[in-house]
Amino acid sequence: MATNDEPIEQAAVIRFPTDRESLERDCDVEFFVAGGPGGQHRNKVETGVRLTHRPSGLVVTATERRSQSANREAAFERMAEKLEARQRIRKPRRATKPSAAAKQKRIQEKKKTGERKKARGKMKGYED
């Protein structure tokens, strides 16, 4: 068990390059009929783009544009963002305890709530 003074070792994160050239080399590009609004051009032509990153297994799609090349650009941008987010090293969380002032404030709030609830009871001298 590590104390607060000792650094916690991070799990080894496999780093993948996110530049366009590396992504084009490591990804399988697949085109498909996107469907949805956009008329005959979008419904008849294979404008949807699906990228599969072979080393990591990540899959992204882009179908929002009517142009295949615009969708390809959007898909490569999304793939780079996803890979960078996946490779980001998270800062380890440290357990903290509430301060003495915070505990005192909580107790005061509970007392106030209790008094308020007691005041809701039947009034003395009141007959039903």
Protein backbone atom coordinates (compact mmCIF):
# COMPACT_ATOMS: atom_id res chain seq x y z
CA MET A 1 0.00 0.00 0.00
CA ALA A 2 1.46 3.36 -1.03
CA THR A 3 1.39 6.30 1.35
CA ASN A 4 0.75 9.86 0.25
CA ASP A 5 4.51 10.52 -0.02
CA GLU A 6 5.24 7.69 -2.48
CA PRO A 7 4.42 8.17 -6.18
CA ILE A 8 1.95 5.67 -7.59
CA GLU A 9 3.21 3.94 -10.72
CA GLN A 10 0.99 4.37 -13.76
CA ALA A 11 0.02 1.36 -15.85
CA ALA A 12 2.08 1.18 -19.02
CA VAL A 13 0.20 3.05 -21.74
CA ILE A 14 0.91 2.00 -25.31
CA ARG A 15 1.62 5.14 -27.33
CA PHE A 16 0.28 5.32 -30.89
CA PRO A 17 1.33 8.11 -33.27
CA THR A 18 -1.53 10.43 -34.18
CA ASP A 19 -0.12 12.25 -37.20
CA ARG A 20 -2.04 11.86 -40.46
CA GLU A 21 0.61 9.79 -42.24
CA SER A 22 0.77 7.20 -39.43
CA LEU A 23 -3.01 7.05 -39.18
CA GLU A 24 -3.35 6.41 -42.92
CA ARG A 25 -0.82 3.60 -42.63
CA ASP A 26 -2.38 2.00 -39.50
CA CYS A 27 -6.09 2.38 -40.34
CA ASP A 28 -8.43 0.40 -42.59
CA VAL A 29 -10.70 2.79 -44.52
CA GLU A 30 -14.18 1.56 -45.44
CA PHE A 31 -16.85 3.46 -47.40
CA PHE A 32 -20.59 2.87 -47.06
CA VAL A 33 -23.95 4.44 -47.91
CA ALA A 34 -24.54 6.97 -45.15
CA GLY A 35 -28.32 7.41 -45.43
CA GLY A 36 -30.37 10.10 -43.72
CA PRO A 37 -31.17 13.61 -44.91
CA GLY A 38 -29.23 14.98 -47.87
CA GLY A 39 -31.19 13.80 -50.84
CA GLN A 40 -30.41 11.35 -53.59
CA HIS A 41 -26.70 12.19 -53.66
CA ARG A 42 -26.23 11.10 -50.06
CA ASN A 43 -28.55 8.10 -50.21
CA LYS A 44 -27.14 6.67 -53.45
CA VAL A 45 -23.41 7.34 -53.17
CA GLU A 46 -21.04 5.77 -50.63
CA THR A 47 -20.22 8.94 -48.66
CA GLY A 48 -19.96 7.42 -45.16
CA VAL A 49 -16.43 6.67 -43.94
CA ARG A 50 -15.48 4.12 -41.28
CA LEU A 51 -11.91 3.98 -39.95
CA THR A 52 -10.61 0.99 -38.00
CA HIS A 53 -7.30 1.48 -36.20
CA ARG A 54 -5.67 -1.97 -36.47
CA PRO A 55 -3.21 -1.73 -33.53
CA SER A 56 -5.79 -0.54 -30.97
CA GLY A 57 -9.08 -1.77 -32.45
CA LEU A 58 -10.72 1.68 -32.24
CA VAL A 59 -13.46 2.40 -34.78
CA VAL A 60 -14.79 5.83 -35.81
CA THR A 61 -17.35 6.82 -38.45
CA ALA A 62 -18.21 10.06 -40.20
CA THR A 63 -21.51 10.39 -42.07
CA GLU A 64 -22.63 13.97 -41.51
CA ARG A 65 -21.40 15.48 -44.80
CA ARG A 66 -22.49 14.77 -48.38
CA SER A 67 -18.88 14.64 -49.56
CA GLN A 68 -16.81 11.49 -49.07
CA SER A 69 -13.57 13.47 -48.83
CA ALA A 70 -15.00 15.79 -46.15
CA ASN A 71 -16.18 12.75 -44.19
CA ARG A 72 -12.74 11.14 -44.56
CA GLU A 73 -11.08 14.27 -43.11
CA ALA A 74 -13.56 14.33 -40.20
CA ALA A 75 -12.98 10.63 -39.50
CA PHE A 76 -9.19 11.03 -39.39
CA GLU A 77 -9.55 14.02 -37.02
CA ARG A 78 -11.84 12.00 -34.74
CA MET A 79 -9.46 9.04 -34.75
CA ALA A 80 -6.54 11.29 -33.73
CA GLU A 81 -8.64 12.84 -30.92
CA LYS A 82 -9.73 9.41 -29.65
CA LEU A 83 -6.19 8.05 -29.65
CA GLU A 84 -4.84 11.13 -27.84
CA ALA A 85 -7.61 10.93 -25.23
CA ARG A 86 -6.91 7.25 -24.69
CA GLN A 87 -3.17 7.86 -24.25
CA ARG A 88 -3.59 10.76 -21.79
CA ILE A 89 -2.08 9.93 -18.41
CA ARG A 90 -4.58 10.53 -15.63
CA LYS A 91 -3.43 12.24 -12.48
CA PRO A 92 -3.86 9.87 -9.53
CA ARG A 93 -6.48 10.88 -6.98
CA ARG A 94 -5.51 11.37 -3.37
CA ALA A 95 -7.88 10.58 -0.53
CA THR A 96 -8.75 13.61 1.60
CA LYS A 97 -10.65 14.09 4.85
CA PRO A 98 -13.02 16.94 5.71
CA SER A 99 -11.44 19.71 7.77
CA ALA A 100 -12.45 20.40 11.38
CA ALA A 101 -14.31 23.54 10.28
CA ALA A 102 -16.26 21.58 7.65
CA LYS A 103 -17.25 18.97 10.26
CA GLN A 104 -18.37 21.71 12.67
CA LYS A 105 -20.42 23.40 9.94
CA ARG A 106 -22.10 20.09 9.06
CA ILE A 107 -23.03 19.51 12.73
CA GLN A 108 -24.48 23.03 12.99
CA GLU A 109 -26.59 22.45 9.85
CA LYS A 110 -27.89 19.15 11.29
CA LYS A 111 -28.83 20.87 14.56
CA LYS A 112 -30.64 23.62 12.68
CA THR A 113 -32.54 21.04 10.59
CA GLY A 114 -33.46 19.09 13.74
CA GLU A 115 -34.82 22.23 15.42
CA ARG A 116 -36.85 23.02 12.32
CA LYS A 117 -38.35 19.51 12.35
CA LYS A 118 -39.17 19.71 16.05
CA ALA A 119 -41.03 22.96 15.41
CA ARG A 120 -43.34 21.14 12.97
CA GLY A 121 -44.94 19.10 15.77
CA LYS A 122 -48.36 19.81 17.28
CA MET A 123 -48.59 23.05 19.22
CA LYS A 124 -49.18 22.80 22.97
CA GLY A 125 -52.70 23.69 24.05
CA TYR A 126 -54.14 23.00 20.61
CA GLU A 127 -57.17 20.64 20.77
CA ASP A 128 -58.29 18.66 17.77
